[in-house]
Protein backbone atom coordinates (compact mmCIF):
# COMPACT_ATOMS: atom_id res chain seq x y z
CA MET A 1 -47.22 -22.20 13.74
CA SER A 2 -45.06 -22.05 10.60
CA PHE A 3 -42.20 -19.54 10.25
CA PHE A 4 -43.96 -17.73 7.38
CA LYS A 5 -47.21 -17.45 9.37
CA LYS A 6 -45.32 -16.02 12.38
CA LEU A 7 -43.55 -13.54 10.10
CA LYS A 8 -46.84 -12.44 8.53
CA ASP A 9 -48.43 -11.98 11.96
CA SER A 10 -45.44 -9.91 13.09
CA ILE A 11 -45.67 -7.69 9.99
CA SER A 12 -49.45 -7.22 10.33
CA GLY A 13 -48.94 -4.75 13.17
CA LYS A 14 -46.79 -2.52 10.95
CA THR A 15 -47.91 0.15 8.53
CA GLU A 16 -49.26 -1.33 5.29
CA SER A 17 -47.69 1.49 3.21
CA VAL A 18 -44.21 0.69 4.61
CA THR A 19 -44.73 -3.05 3.96
CA LYS A 20 -45.65 -2.17 0.35
CA GLN A 21 -42.55 0.04 0.00
CA PHE A 22 -40.29 -2.83 1.06
CA ARG A 23 -42.14 -5.25 -1.22
CA ASP A 24 -41.96 -2.94 -4.26
CA GLY A 25 -38.38 -1.86 -3.55
CA LEU A 26 -37.10 -5.42 -3.31
CA GLU A 27 -38.97 -6.79 -6.33
CA LYS A 28 -35.83 -7.22 -8.48
CA THR A 29 -34.00 -9.05 -5.68
CA ARG A 30 -37.05 -11.24 -5.09
CA LYS A 31 -37.14 -12.23 -8.78
CA GLY A 32 -33.38 -12.64 -9.08
CA PHE A 33 -32.87 -14.52 -5.86
CA VAL A 34 -35.91 -15.99 -4.09
CA GLU A 35 -37.63 -17.17 -7.26
CA LYS A 36 -34.41 -18.94 -8.30
CA VAL A 37 -34.23 -20.61 -4.88
CA SER A 38 -37.89 -21.68 -5.17
CA ASP A 39 -37.29 -23.01 -8.67
CA LEU A 40 -34.26 -24.98 -7.41
CA MET A 41 -36.28 -26.53 -4.59
CA ILE A 42 -39.12 -27.55 -6.93
CA ARG A 43 -36.74 -28.86 -9.60
CA ARG A 44 -34.34 -30.83 -7.46
CA LYS A 45 -36.56 -32.19 -4.68
CA LYS A 46 -33.64 -34.25 -3.33
CA ILE A 47 -31.13 -32.55 -1.02
CA ASP A 48 -27.71 -33.71 -2.26
CA GLU A 49 -24.30 -32.17 -3.02
CA GLU A 50 -25.49 -30.80 -6.39
CA PHE A 51 -28.42 -29.12 -4.64
CA TYR A 52 -26.10 -27.38 -2.15
CA GLU A 53 -23.70 -26.30 -4.93
CA GLU A 54 -26.51 -24.74 -6.96
CA LEU A 55 -27.90 -23.01 -3.87
CA GLU A 56 -24.44 -21.55 -3.15
CA GLU A 57 -24.25 -20.19 -6.73
CA ILE A 58 -27.66 -18.47 -6.41
CA LEU A 59 -26.77 -16.91 -3.04
CA ILE A 60 -23.37 -15.68 -4.29
CA GLY A 61 -25.10 -14.32 -7.42
CA ALA A 62 -27.39 -12.23 -5.18
CA ASP A 63 -24.23 -10.80 -3.53
CA VAL A 64 -24.85 -12.41 -0.17
CA GLY A 65 -21.03 -12.74 0.04
CA VAL A 66 -18.88 -15.86 -0.19
CA ASN A 67 -18.02 -16.07 3.53
CA THR A 68 -21.64 -15.59 4.57
CA VAL A 69 -22.86 -18.14 1.99
CA MET A 70 -20.43 -20.80 3.27
CA THR A 71 -21.61 -20.26 6.86
CA LEU A 72 -25.27 -20.24 5.80
CA VAL A 73 -24.99 -23.47 3.79
CA GLU A 74 -23.14 -25.20 6.66
CA ASP A 75 -25.98 -24.16 8.99
CA LEU A 76 -28.54 -25.54 6.52
CA ARG A 77 -26.66 -28.86 6.29
CA ALA A 78 -26.73 -29.15 10.09
CA GLU A 79 -30.44 -28.31 10.17
CA VAL A 80 -31.22 -30.91 7.47
CA LYS A 81 -29.48 -33.61 9.55
CA LYS A 82 -31.03 -32.49 12.82
CA GLN A 83 -34.60 -32.27 11.50
CA ARG A 84 -34.11 -35.19 9.05
CA ILE A 85 -35.41 -33.05 6.19
CA GLU A 86 -35.62 -34.97 2.91
CA ASP A 87 -37.79 -32.78 0.68
CA ALA A 88 -36.02 -29.61 -0.55
CA SER A 89 -39.22 -27.53 -0.31
CA GLU A 90 -39.14 -27.94 3.48
CA LEU A 91 -35.90 -25.96 3.49
CA GLN A 92 -37.56 -22.67 2.42
CA PRO A 93 -38.75 -21.57 5.88
CA VAL A 94 -35.43 -22.70 7.39
CA LEU A 95 -33.46 -20.58 4.87
CA SER A 96 -35.77 -17.59 5.47
CA ARG A 97 -35.33 -17.85 9.23
CA LYS A 98 -31.54 -18.10 8.92
CA LEU A 99 -31.43 -15.02 6.66
CA MET A 100 -33.47 -13.05 9.17
CA GLU A 101 -31.11 -14.06 11.98
CA LEU A 102 -28.14 -12.91 9.86
CA LEU A 103 -29.82 -9.58 9.09
CA ARG A 104 -31.01 -8.84 12.58
CA GLY A 105 -27.71 -8.61 14.48
CA ASP A 106 -27.52 -7.24 18.00
CA ASP A 107 -27.29 -3.57 17.08
CA ASP A 108 -29.98 -1.01 17.64
CA ASN A 109 -30.55 0.38 14.15
CA SER A 110 -32.61 3.42 15.16
CA LEU A 111 -31.02 6.84 14.61
CA LYS A 112 -29.53 8.27 17.79
CA GLU A 113 -30.76 11.68 18.88
CA ASN A 114 -29.40 14.26 21.29
CA PRO A 115 -31.73 14.46 24.32
CA ASP A 116 -30.19 17.78 25.38
CA GLY A 117 -30.28 19.94 22.27
CA ILE A 118 -29.30 19.81 18.62
CA THR A 119 -28.89 16.38 17.00
CA VAL A 120 -26.00 16.49 14.50
CA ILE A 121 -25.91 13.90 11.70
CA LEU A 122 -22.87 13.75 9.44
CA PHE A 123 -23.08 12.10 6.01
CA VAL A 124 -20.05 10.49 4.34
CA GLY A 125 -19.62 8.43 1.17
CA VAL A 126 -18.06 8.53 -2.28
CA ASN A 127 -19.58 10.60 -5.07
CA GLY A 128 -22.54 9.18 -6.97
CA VAL A 129 -23.98 6.91 -4.26
CA GLY A 130 -27.06 9.07 -3.62
CA LYS A 131 -25.74 10.97 -0.59
CA THR A 132 -27.43 14.32 -1.33
CA THR A 133 -30.72 12.64 -2.24
CA THR A 134 -30.64 10.69 1.04
CA ILE A 135 -29.97 13.88 3.02
CA GLY A 136 -32.99 15.56 1.36
CA LYS A 137 -35.24 12.58 2.09
CA LEU A 138 -34.09 12.34 5.71
CA ALA A 139 -34.69 16.10 6.17
CA HIS A 140 -38.22 15.56 4.83
CA ARG A 141 -38.72 12.64 7.24
CA TYR A 142 -37.70 14.71 10.28
CA LYS A 143 -39.83 17.63 9.06
CA GLN A 144 -42.86 15.30 8.87
CA GLU A 145 -42.19 14.41 12.50
CA GLY A 146 -42.52 18.10 13.38
CA LYS A 147 -38.82 18.74 13.91
CA LYS A 148 -36.97 21.91 12.84
CA VAL A 149 -34.20 20.88 10.44
CA LEU A 150 -31.17 22.66 8.94
CA LEU A 151 -28.78 21.40 6.24
CA ALA A 152 -25.03 22.17 5.93
CA ALA A 153 -23.43 22.08 2.45
CA GLY A 154 -20.01 20.74 3.43
CA ASP A 155 -19.29 19.06 0.07
CA THR A 156 -17.68 22.22 -1.27
CA PHE A 157 -15.37 20.57 -3.84
CA ARG A 158 -17.73 18.64 -6.13
CA ALA A 159 -19.15 20.74 -8.96
CA GLY A 160 -22.86 21.33 -8.43
CA ALA A 161 -22.99 19.67 -4.98
CA ILE A 162 -24.10 22.83 -3.15
CA GLU A 163 -26.80 23.61 -5.75
CA GLN A 164 -28.01 20.00 -5.64
CA LEU A 165 -28.38 20.18 -1.85
CA GLU A 166 -30.25 23.48 -2.18
CA VAL A 167 -32.75 21.86 -4.57
CA TRP A 168 -33.40 19.08 -2.02
CA GLY A 169 -33.62 21.68 0.74
CA GLN A 170 -36.35 23.49 -1.19
CA ARG A 171 -38.24 20.24 -1.78
CA ALA A 172 -38.13 19.40 1.92
CA GLY A 173 -38.81 23.01 2.96
CA VAL A 174 -35.51 23.24 4.86
CA ASP A 175 -32.80 25.97 4.84
CA VAL A 176 -29.24 25.24 3.69
CA ILE A 177 -26.14 26.84 5.22
CA LYS A 178 -23.47 27.23 2.53
CA GLN A 179 -20.38 29.10 1.42
CA GLN A 180 -18.78 29.49 -2.00
CA SER A 181 -17.70 26.44 -3.95
CA GLY A 182 -14.15 25.41 -2.96
CA SER A 183 -14.32 26.96 0.52
CA ASP A 184 -13.22 25.20 3.71
CA PRO A 185 -15.83 22.54 4.70
CA ALA A 186 -14.99 22.98 8.40
CA ALA A 187 -15.80 26.69 8.13
CA VAL A 188 -19.22 25.79 6.66
CA MET A 189 -19.82 23.44 9.60
CA PHE A 190 -18.91 26.17 12.08
CA ASP A 191 -21.42 28.55 10.43
CA ALA A 192 -24.06 25.81 10.37
CA VAL A 193 -23.70 24.97 14.07
CA GLN A 194 -23.93 28.69 14.99
CA ALA A 195 -27.04 29.08 12.80
CA ALA A 196 -28.59 25.93 14.30
CA LYS A 197 -28.10 27.33 17.81
CA GLN A 198 -29.52 30.75 16.91
CA ARG A 199 -32.56 29.30 15.15
CA GLY A 200 -33.43 26.70 17.79
CA VAL A 201 -32.96 23.81 15.34
CA ASP A 202 -33.67 20.19 16.40
CA VAL A 203 -31.63 18.40 13.73
CA LEU A 204 -28.57 19.58 11.77
CA ILE A 205 -27.72 17.33 8.79
CA CYS A 206 -24.24 17.86 7.31
CA ASP A 207 -23.04 16.85 3.86
CA THR A 208 -19.30 16.16 3.43
CA ALA A 209 -16.97 15.63 0.46
CA GLY A 210 -16.80 12.18 -1.12
CA ARG A 211 -13.26 12.96 -2.24
CA LEU A 212 -11.04 16.01 -2.46
CA GLN A 213 -9.62 17.47 -5.65
CA ASN A 214 -6.50 18.71 -3.88
CA LYS A 215 -3.85 16.54 -2.24
CA SER A 216 -5.07 16.90 1.33
CA ASN A 217 -6.31 13.75 2.95
CA LEU A 218 -10.07 13.19 3.18
CA MET A 219 -9.74 11.70 6.66
CA GLU A 220 -7.86 14.80 7.85
CA GLU A 221 -10.68 16.94 6.47
CA LEU A 222 -13.27 14.84 8.30
CA ASN A 223 -11.30 15.01 11.54
CA LYS A 224 -11.19 18.79 11.22
CA ILE A 225 -14.99 18.84 10.75
CA PHE A 226 -15.39 16.60 13.84
CA ARG A 227 -13.23 18.96 15.92
CA VAL A 228 -15.15 22.08 14.84
CA ILE A 229 -18.54 20.48 15.58
CA GLN A 230 -17.43 18.97 18.93
CA ARG A 231 -16.05 22.30 20.15
CA GLU A 232 -19.56 23.75 19.81
CA ILE A 233 -21.62 20.64 20.71
CA PRO A 234 -19.42 18.24 22.74
CA SER A 235 -21.65 15.15 22.25
CA ALA A 236 -21.81 15.61 18.44
CA PRO A 237 -21.91 14.17 15.85
CA HIS A 238 -24.62 11.83 17.12
CA GLU A 239 -24.57 9.79 13.91
CA VAL A 240 -21.99 9.42 11.13
CA LEU A 241 -23.89 7.75 8.29
CA MET A 242 -22.08 6.24 5.34
CA VAL A 243 -24.13 6.04 2.14
CA LEU A 244 -23.57 3.02 -0.13
CA ASP A 245 -25.08 2.30 -3.54
CA ALA A 246 -26.63 -1.20 -3.37
CA THR A 247 -26.43 -1.60 -7.17
CA THR A 248 -22.62 -1.80 -6.91
CA GLY A 249 -22.88 -4.97 -4.79
CA GLN A 250 -19.54 -6.20 -3.47
CA ASN A 251 -17.93 -2.89 -4.42
CA ALA A 252 -20.17 -1.20 -1.82
CA LEU A 253 -18.89 -3.65 0.79
CA THR A 254 -15.27 -2.88 -0.15
CA GLN A 255 -15.96 0.88 0.11
CA ALA A 256 -17.50 0.43 3.54
CA LYS A 257 -14.52 -1.63 4.72
CA LEU A 258 -11.95 0.91 3.49
CA PHE A 259 -13.78 4.03 4.54
CA GLY A 260 -16.04 2.93 7.36
CA GLN A 261 -13.55 1.80 9.96
CA LYS A 262 -11.39 4.92 9.62
CA SER A 263 -14.04 7.60 9.69
CA GLY A 264 -15.98 6.65 12.82
CA VAL A 265 -19.06 5.53 10.91
CA THR A 266 -21.97 4.65 13.25
CA GLY A 267 -24.44 3.43 10.64
CA LEU A 268 -24.95 2.63 6.96
CA VAL A 269 -27.53 3.78 4.44
CA LEU A 270 -28.10 1.50 1.44
CA THR A 271 -29.57 3.39 -1.52
CA LYS A 272 -31.07 2.22 -4.84
CA LEU A 273 -32.20 -1.20 -3.57
CA ASP A 274 -35.12 -0.94 -5.99
CA GLY A 275 -32.65 -0.82 -8.90
CA THR A 276 -30.80 -4.06 -8.24
CA ALA A 277 -31.27 -7.82 -8.04
CA LYS A 278 -28.30 -7.87 -5.64
CA GLY A 279 -30.21 -6.97 -2.47
CA GLY A 280 -28.38 -9.84 -0.78
CA ILE A 281 -25.55 -7.33 -0.27
CA VAL A 282 -27.46 -6.20 2.86
CA VAL A 283 -26.82 -9.66 4.36
CA ALA A 284 -23.11 -9.55 3.42
CA ILE A 285 -22.69 -6.08 4.92
CA ARG A 286 -24.46 -7.07 8.14
CA GLN A 287 -22.17 -10.08 8.50
CA GLU A 288 -18.82 -8.68 7.43
CA LEU A 289 -18.97 -5.25 9.05
CA ASN A 290 -19.75 -4.49 12.63
CA ILE A 291 -21.81 -1.47 11.56
CA PRO A 292 -25.64 -1.52 11.57
CA VAL A 293 -27.67 -0.74 8.43
CA LYS A 294 -29.88 2.12 9.66
CA LEU A 295 -31.73 3.29 6.53
CA VAL A 296 -32.58 1.84 3.11
CA GLY A 297 -33.55 3.62 -0.11
CA LEU A 298 -36.42 1.72 -1.76
CA GLY A 299 -37.38 4.10 -4.57
CA GLU A 300 -37.43 7.63 -5.99
CA LYS A 301 -40.13 9.21 -3.83
CA MET A 302 -39.51 11.27 -0.68
CA GLU A 303 -41.16 8.55 1.45
CA ASP A 304 -39.01 5.77 -0.02
CA LEU A 305 -36.21 6.25 2.51
CA GLN A 306 -37.11 3.87 5.33
CA PRO A 307 -35.53 2.71 8.60
CA PHE A 308 -34.05 -0.74 8.00
CA ASP A 309 -36.27 -3.52 9.38
CA SER A 310 -35.05 -7.14 9.10
CA GLU A 311 -38.59 -8.56 9.36
CA GLN A 312 -39.92 -6.27 6.62
CA PHE A 313 -36.89 -7.12 4.48
CA VAL A 314 -37.33 -10.90 4.72
CA HIS A 315 -41.12 -10.60 4.42
CA ALA A 316 -40.71 -8.57 1.22
CA LEU A 317 -38.31 -11.13 -0.25
CA PHE A 318 -40.39 -14.17 0.61
CA SER A 319 -43.90 -12.71 0.24
CA GLY A 320 -44.68 -15.05 -2.67
CA LEU A 321 -43.83 -18.06 -0.54
CA LEU A 322 -46.13 -16.85 2.24
CA THR A 323 -49.14 -17.44 0.01
CA GLU A 324 -47.92 -20.92 -0.96
CA ASP A 325 -47.31 -21.72 2.72
CA GLU A 326 -50.83 -20.58 3.64
CA GLU A 327 -52.31 -22.72 0.85
CA ARG A 328 -50.35 -25.77 2.03
CA THR A 329 -51.41 -25.17 5.65
CA GLY A 330 -55.03 -24.78 4.56
CA GLU A 331 -54.95 -28.03 2.60
CA ALA A 332 -53.36 -29.87 5.54
CA GLU A 333 -56.10 -28.60 7.88
CA GLN A 334 -58.85 -29.77 5.51
CA GLU A 335 -57.46 -33.32 5.27
């Protein structure tokens, strides 16, 4: 059975609406990346040095990352020799399989929950990446699952951040614990944990500052928040999610490297994948950081925040090739 057929069979057991969300959300990347690869394979036919060079350019252009591209192309060269592949079109399923292996990793990318009480999720990330929007969408997701959710407005320094979170809270039908703008974020967290305990909340989602206007260090502020939360709920926070804007490509990777390792990040959320042709950044991030991608933003709607799924991701990218593969298989069977 061909790789594409196996992938399609694996996807068939998953919700059609989620498959469509991945397909729609990754349309720009598919056009900017996979269609260029397909065009290269049709145009060149022969697998030579020029072919590999052009393939490297396309992969780097999709922000797959230079280091990852070099490894990937070396793997492809080895596979070509091993399988004695001569026609470039035969490389498509091999490339797809390799990308899926790179995306999959060994990590469990489901969100951890507290089996003994309140699950606390802390959100970090620079301003403008879609942090508040993601919090609102995640609150909605938990609410749909029947959980009682509370939000904490810990980004007290950015103008309008508290009001923005309140708007998302209203949309999701979730209360927001807040103080005045400019107040101590750790004090907000203390209030939020107390309120969560009193109200019998299942999930407490906390927003934090992307940067501070004053001279105090952001990491010190985060550590203070950690201490306050852990004093009340020793196992918390159960997740520290860093939000990255996929449209910024390599810049998102740099942010994650600088910020991620220092702040105890347990997972990444990639937003705005629908707005970029550089969806390959997911591959670069998976390879260069030892942090799993847990959620992806695939559009504007509440439902467009989805758990990351490597099979759905590759299927969405290569869905056009699935049809071609089926047609080729069908023709071969008829002969």
